[in-house]
C-alpha atoms as a PDB file:
ATOM      1  CA  UNK A   1       0.000   0.000   0.000  1.00  0.00           C
ATOM      2  CA  UNK A   2       2.820   2.411   0.873  1.00  0.00           C
ATOM      3  CA  UNK A   3       4.495   1.721  -2.463  1.00  0.00           C
ATOM      4  CA  UNK A   4       1.286   2.683  -4.282  1.00  0.00           C
ATOM      5  CA  UNK A   5       1.100   5.947  -2.367  1.00  0.00           C
ATOM      6  CA  UNK A   6       4.788   6.487  -3.127  1.00  0.00           C
ATOM      7  CA  UNK A   7       4.149   6.108  -6.870  1.00  0.00           C
ATOM      8  CA  UNK A   8       1.384   8.689  -6.638  1.00  0.00           C
ATOM      9  CA  UNK A   9       3.882  11.013  -4.962  1.00  0.00           C
ATOM     10  CA  UNK A  10       6.392  10.327  -7.765  1.00  0.00           C
ATOM     11  CA  UNK A  11       3.774  11.214 -10.381  1.00  0.00           C
ATOM     12  CA  UNK A  12       3.109  14.441  -8.473  1.00  0.00           C
ATOM     13  CA  UNK A  13       6.822  15.258  -8.524  1.00  0.00           C
ATOM     14  CA  UNK A  14       7.172  14.762  -4.769  1.00  0.00           C
ATOM     15  CA  UNK A  15      10.233  12.526  -5.049  1.00  0.00           C
ATOM     16  CA  UNK A  16      11.489  13.031  -1.472  1.00  0.00           C
ATOM     17  CA  UNK A  17       8.091  12.044  -0.030  1.00  0.00           C
ATOM     18  CA  UNK A  18       8.111   8.945  -2.237  1.00  0.00           C
ATOM     19  CA  UNK A  19      11.612   8.118  -1.033  1.00  0.00           C
ATOM     20  CA  UNK A  20      10.538   8.251   2.620  1.00  0.00           C
ATOM     21  CA  UNK A  21       7.434   6.132   1.965  1.00  0.00           C
ATOM     22  CA  UNK A  22       9.396   3.481   0.086  1.00  0.00           C
ATOM     23  CA  UNK A  23      12.041   3.335   2.816  1.00  0.00           C
ATOM     24  CA  UNK A  24       9.260   2.783   5.364  1.00  0.00           C
ATOM     25  CA  UNK A  25       7.596   0.146   3.145  1.00  0.00           C
ATOM     26  CA  UNK A  26      10.898  -1.681   2.790  1.00  0.00           C
ATOM     27  CA  UNK A  27      11.288  -2.008   6.576  1.00  0.00           C
ATOM     28  CA  UNK A  28       7.712  -3.199   7.145  1.00  0.00           C
ATOM     29  CA  UNK A  29       6.960  -6.951   6.931  1.00  0.00           C
ATOM     30  CA  UNK A  30       6.029  -8.159   3.458  1.00  0.00           C
ATOM     31  CA  UNK A  31       3.532 -10.865   2.590  1.00  0.00           C
ATOM     32  CA  UNK A  32       5.262 -12.130  -0.557  1.00  0.00           C
ATOM     33  CA  UNK A  33       8.921 -12.444  -1.446  1.00  0.00           C
ATOM     34  CA  UNK A  34       8.571 -10.628  -4.778  1.00  0.00           C
ATOM     35  CA  UNK A  35       7.255  -7.551  -2.914  1.00  0.00           C
ATOM     36  CA  UNK A  36      10.782  -6.882  -1.659  1.00  0.00           C
ATOM     37  CA  UNK A  37      12.213  -6.994  -5.181  1.00  0.00           C
ATOM     38  CA  UNK A  38       9.547  -4.635  -6.490  1.00  0.00           C
ATOM     39  CA  UNK A  39      10.050  -2.229  -3.572  1.00  0.00           C
ATOM     40  CA  UNK A  40      13.804  -2.207  -4.149  1.00  0.00           C
ATOM     41  CA  UNK A  41      13.273  -1.507  -7.851  1.00  0.00           C
ATOM     42  CA  UNK A  42      10.842   1.328  -7.042  1.00  0.00           C
ATOM     43  CA  UNK A  43      13.237   2.804  -4.520  1.00  0.00           C
ATOM     44  CA  UNK A  44      16.008   2.606  -7.131  1.00  0.00           C
ATOM     45  CA  UNK A  45      13.810   4.537  -9.567  1.00  0.00           C
ATOM     46  CA  UNK A  46      13.322   7.270  -6.979  1.00  0.00           C
ATOM     47  CA  UNK A  47      17.046   7.397  -6.182  1.00  0.00           C
ATOM     48  CA  UNK A  48      17.798   7.531  -9.918  1.00  0.00           C
ATOM     49  CA  UNK A  49      15.499  10.539 -10.270  1.00  0.00           C
ATOM     50  CA  UNK A  50      17.225  12.136  -7.288  1.00  0.00           C
ATOM     51  CA  UNK A  51      20.560  11.689  -9.061  1.00  0.00           C
ATOM     52  CA  UNK A  52      21.829   9.200  -6.475  1.00  0.00           C
ATOM     53  CA  UNK A  53      23.055   6.767  -9.128  1.00  0.00           C
ATOM     54  CA  UNK A  54      25.334   4.622  -6.943  1.00  0.00           C
ATOM     55  CA  UNK A  55      22.494   3.896  -4.498  1.00  0.00           C
ATOM     56  CA  UNK A  56      20.065   3.257  -7.348  1.00  0.00           C
ATOM     57  CA  UNK A  57      22.497   0.754  -8.861  1.00  0.00           C
ATOM     58  CA  UNK A  58      22.962  -1.002  -5.525  1.00  0.00           C
ATOM     59  CA  UNK A  59      19.195  -1.271  -4.982  1.00  0.00           C
ATOM     60  CA  UNK A  60      18.679  -2.582  -8.514  1.00  0.00           C
ATOM     61  CA  UNK A  61      21.371  -5.231  -8.226  1.00  0.00           C
ATOM     62  CA  UNK A  62      19.833  -6.403  -4.953  1.00  0.00           C
ATOM     63  CA  UNK A  63      16.341  -6.306  -6.517  1.00  0.00           C
ATOM     64  CA  UNK A  64      17.569  -8.534  -9.355  1.00  0.00           C
ATOM     65  CA  UNK A  65      18.965 -11.143  -6.939  1.00  0.00           C
ATOM     66  CA  UNK A  66      15.765 -11.102  -4.864  1.00  0.00           C
ATOM     67  CA  UNK A  67      13.578 -11.324  -7.988  1.00  0.00           C
ATOM     68  CA  UNK A  68      15.506 -14.310  -9.307  1.00  0.00           C
ATOM     69  CA  UNK A  69      15.209 -16.060  -5.930  1.00  0.00           C
ATOM     70  CA  UNK A  70      11.478 -15.290  -5.860  1.00  0.00           C
ATOM     71  CA  UNK A  71      11.144 -16.702  -9.398  1.00  0.00           C
ATOM     72  CA  UNK A  72       9.883 -13.460 -10.894  1.00  0.00           C
ATOM     73  CA  UNK A  73      12.014 -13.336 -14.033  1.00  0.00           C
ATOM     74  CA  UNK A  74      10.081 -10.492 -15.630  1.00  0.00           C
ATOM     75  CA  UNK A  75      11.051  -8.155 -12.798  1.00  0.00           C
ATOM     76  CA  UNK A  76      14.651  -9.410 -12.850  1.00  0.00           C
ATOM     77  CA  UNK A  77      14.875  -8.725 -16.593  1.00  0.00           C
ATOM     78  CA  UNK A  78      13.341  -5.251 -16.262  1.00  0.00           C
ATOM     79  CA  UNK A  79      16.022  -4.385 -13.695  1.00  0.00           C
ATOM     80  CA  UNK A  80      18.643  -4.867 -16.426  1.00  0.00           C
ATOM     81  CA  UNK A  81      16.959  -2.225 -18.573  1.00  0.00           C
ATOM     82  CA  UNK A  82      16.962   0.198 -15.671  1.00  0.00           C
ATOM     83  CA  UNK A  83      20.619  -0.548 -14.895  1.00  0.00           C
ATOM     84  CA  UNK A  84      21.479   0.161 -18.546  1.00  0.00           C
ATOM     85  CA  UNK A  85      19.740   3.540 -18.270  1.00  0.00           C
ATOM     86  CA  UNK A  86      21.773   4.397 -15.160  1.00  0.00           C
ATOM     87  CA  UNK A  87      24.991   3.357 -16.906  1.00  0.00           C
ATOM     88  CA  UNK A  88      24.093   5.605 -19.839  1.00  0.00           C
ATOM     89  CA  UNK A  89      23.390   8.508 -17.456  1.00  0.00           C
ATOM     90  CA  UNK A  90      26.861   7.987 -15.987  1.00  0.00           C
ATOM     91  CA  UNK A  91      28.342   8.087 -19.485  1.00  0.00           C
ATOM     92  CA  UNK A  92      29.423   4.431 -19.417  1.00  0.00           C
ATOM     93  CA  UNK A  93      27.853   3.624 -22.778  1.00  0.00           C
ATOM     94  CA  UNK A  94      29.803   0.403 -23.319  1.00  0.00           C
ATOM     95  CA  UNK A  95      28.463  -1.057 -20.080  1.00  0.00           C
ATOM     96  CA  UNK A  96      24.985   0.285 -20.863  1.00  0.00           C
ATOM     97  CA  UNK A  97      25.123  -1.433 -24.251  1.00  0.00           C
ATOM     98  CA  UNK A  98      26.201  -4.747 -22.697  1.00  0.00           C
ATOM     99  CA  UNK A  99      23.413  -4.582 -20.123  1.00  0.00           C
ATOM    100  CA  UNK A 100      20.865  -3.653 -22.768  1.00  0.00           C
ATOM    101  CA  UNK A 101      22.007  -6.567 -24.936  1.00  0.00           C
ATOM    102  CA  UNK A 102      21.663  -8.878 -21.938  1.00  0.00           C
ATOM    103  CA  UNK A 103      18.245  -7.360 -21.203  1.00  0.00           C
ATOM    104  CA  UNK A 104      17.041  -8.099 -24.743  1.00  0.00           C
ATOM    105  CA  UNK A 105      18.376 -11.667 -24.640  1.00  0.00           C
ATOM    106  CA  UNK A 106      16.810 -12.409 -21.265  1.00  0.00           C
ATOM    107  CA  UNK A 107      13.564 -10.686 -22.231  1.00  0.00           C
ATOM    108  CA  UNK A 108      13.373 -12.932 -25.299  1.00  0.00           C
ATOM    109  CA  UNK A 109      14.100 -16.024 -23.178  1.00  0.00           C
ATOM    110  CA  UNK A 110      11.449 -15.098 -20.611  1.00  0.00           C
ATOM    111  CA  UNK A 111       8.925 -14.398 -23.371  1.00  0.00           C
ATOM    112  CA  UNK A 112       9.664 -17.765 -24.966  1.00  0.00           C
ATOM    113  CA  UNK A 113       9.311 -19.566 -21.616  1.00  0.00           C
ATOM    114  CA  UNK A 114       5.998 -17.828 -20.954  1.00  0.00           C
ATOM    115  CA  UNK A 115       4.756 -18.681 -24.458  1.00  0.00           C
ATOM    116  CA  UNK A 116       5.763 -22.327 -23.978  1.00  0.00           C
ATOM    117  CA  UNK A 117       3.990 -22.394 -20.617  1.00  0.00           C
ATOM    118  CA  UNK A 118       0.825 -20.949 -22.170  1.00  0.00           C
ATOM    119  CA  UNK A 119       1.032 -23.447 -25.042  1.00  0.00           C
ATOM    120  CA  UNK A 120       1.300 -26.312 -22.549  1.00  0.00           C
ATOM    121  CA  UNK A 121      -1.771 -25.064 -20.705  1.00  0.00           C
ATOM    122  CA  UNK A 122      -3.749 -24.672 -23.941  1.00  0.00           C
ATOM    123  CA  UNK A 123      -2.676 -28.130 -25.090  1.00  0.00           C
ATOM    124  CA  UNK A 124      -3.862 -29.586 -21.791  1.00  0.00           C
ATOM    125  CA  UNK A 125      -7.209 -27.780 -22.038  1.00  0.00           C
ATOM    126  CA  UNK A 126      -7.644 -28.913 -25.632  1.00  0.00           C
ATOM    127  CA  UNK A 127      -6.724 -32.504 -24.697  1.00  0.00           C
ATOM    128  CA  UNK A 128      -9.305 -32.561 -21.930  1.00  0.00           C
ATOM    129  CA  UNK A 129     -11.945 -31.177 -24.268  1.00  0.00           C
ATOM    130  CA  UNK A 130     -11.163 -33.840 -26.878  1.00  0.00           C
ATOM    131  CA  UNK A 131     -11.360 -36.553 -24.213  1.00  0.00           C
ATOM    132  CA  UNK A 132     -14.713 -35.209 -23.012  1.00  0.00           C
ATOM    133  CA  UNK A 133     -16.082 -35.060 -26.563  1.00  0.00           C
ATOM    134  CA  UNK A 134     -14.914 -38.636 -27.239  1.00  0.00           C
ATOM    135  CA  UNK A 135     -16.442 -39.870 -23.993  1.00  0.00           C
ATOM    136  CA  UNK A 136     -19.780 -38.238 -24.868  1.00  0.00           C
ATOM    137  CA  UNK A 137     -19.613 -39.688 -28.392  1.00  0.00           C
ATOM    138  CA  UNK A 138     -19.027 -43.227 -27.098  1.00  0.00           C
ATOM    139  CA  UNK A 139     -21.732 -42.859 -24.459  1.00  0.00           C
ATOM    140  CA  UNK A 140     -24.155 -41.808 -27.173  1.00  0.00           C
ATOM    141  CA  UNK A 141     -22.974 -44.659 -29.416  1.00  0.00           C
ATOM    142  CA  UNK A 142     -23.570 -47.155 -26.593  1.00  0.00           C
ATOM    143  CA  UNK A 143     -27.187 -45.977 -26.150  1.00  0.00           C
ATOM    144  CA  UNK A 144     -28.322 -45.813 -29.794  1.00  0.00           C
ATOM    145  CA  UNK A 145     -28.514 -48.165 -32.704  1.00  0.00           C
ATOM    146  CA  UNK A 146     -25.827 -47.089 -35.193  1.00  0.00           C
ATOM    147  CA  UNK A 147     -28.045 -47.668 -38.255  1.00  0.00           C
ATOM    148  CA  UNK A 148     -31.388 -46.205 -37.181  1.00  0.00           C
ATOM    149  CA  UNK A 149     -30.114 -43.883 -34.420  1.00  0.00           C
ATOM    150  CA  UNK A 150     -33.027 -45.136 -32.266  1.00  0.00           C
ATOM    151  CA  UNK A 151     -32.432 -45.805 -28.580  1.00  0.00           C
ATOM    152  CA  UNK A 152     -31.412 -49.400 -27.869  1.00  0.00           C
ATOM    153  CA  UNK A 153     -32.178 -51.814 -25.050  1.00  0.00           C
ATOM    154  CA  UNK A 154     -29.255 -50.526 -22.927  1.00  0.00           C
ATOM    155  CA  UNK A 155     -30.893 -47.083 -22.881  1.00  0.00           C
ATOM    156  CA  UNK A 156     -34.282 -48.560 -22.014  1.00  0.00           C
ATOM    157  CA  UNK A 157     -32.749 -50.632 -19.199  1.00  0.00           C
ATOM    158  CA  UNK A 158     -31.198 -47.474 -17.755  1.00  0.00           C
ATOM    159  CA  UNK A 159     -34.077 -45.008 -18.201  1.00  0.00           C
ATOM    160  CA  UNK A 160     -37.186 -47.154 -17.728  1.00  0.00           C
ATOM    161  CA  UNK A 161     -36.790 -47.742 -13.953  1.00  0.00           C
ATOM    162  CA  UNK A 162     -36.404 -43.982 -13.434  1.00  0.00           C
ATOM    163  CA  UNK A 163     -39.553 -43.231 -15.470  1.00  0.00           C
ATOM    164  CA  UNK A 164     -41.566 -45.873 -13.650  1.00  0.00           C
ATOM    165  CA  UNK A 165     -40.513 -44.524 -10.244  1.00  0.00           C
ATOM    166  CA  UNK A 166     -41.170 -40.864 -11.012  1.00  0.00           C
ATOM    167  CA  UNK A 167     -44.465 -41.013 -12.912  1.00  0.00           C
ATOM    168  CA  UNK A 168     -47.229 -43.201 -14.156  1.00  0.00           C
ATOM    169  CA  UNK A 169     -46.156 -44.466 -17.525  1.00  0.00           C
ATOM    170  CA  UNK A 170     -47.564 -47.042 -19.866  1.00  0.00           C
ATOM    171  CA  UNK A 171     -44.903 -49.100 -21.607  1.00  0.00           C
ATOM    172  CA  UNK A 172     -45.188 -51.219 -24.718  1.00  0.00           C
ATOM    173  CA  UNK A 173     -42.211 -53.213 -25.926  1.00  0.00           C
ATOM    174  CA  UNK A 174     -42.176 -54.533 -29.455  1.00  0.00           C
ATOM    175  CA  UNK A 175     -39.536 -56.936 -30.673  1.00  0.00           C
ATOM    176  CA  UNK A 176     -39.353 -56.998 -34.427  1.00  0.00           C
ATOM    177  CA  UNK A 177     -37.310 -59.831 -35.849  1.00  0.00           C
ATOM    178  CA  UNK A 178     -35.268 -59.261 -39.000  1.00  0.00           C
ATOM    179  CA  UNK A 179     -35.993 -55.500 -38.818  1.00  0.00           C
ATOM    180  CA  UNK A 180     -32.889 -54.562 -40.702  1.00  0.00           C
END
């Protein structure tokens, strides 16, 4: 909650207020491990805007380690982009270029992993739907005559007791030999 208020302060140009709020949020207990990484990255953004580049870099490097431990690769990759921007602001363009190249490579890898994960989920959903459709098809096939599509004796054996219990029904059964 404090980090949200801090971002509002950043958008209002109240960077020092945001800095204090993020510092306080960082010392309060977190519910999820990736909250720490996000808070560190936000605090680094504020310090970057304040011109405190060394502190921003330190917070970002720590945020990357925490994000990787928390298995939030998207945040860890985004940190590289921010570190490249800080390197460029310092005038270290070679290092900024290397970090940006690494950012693009890792971003591509993370995107591919996420796409593969989504494809696996969709394949599983599709497989279950196919299995359900096949099960319904075979259930229907077991209850109907394949030539006439009329209900067969198996269907009558299953449904007739239910009909007789629930209502008054008259039943006539006709057995036609050599019907086909």
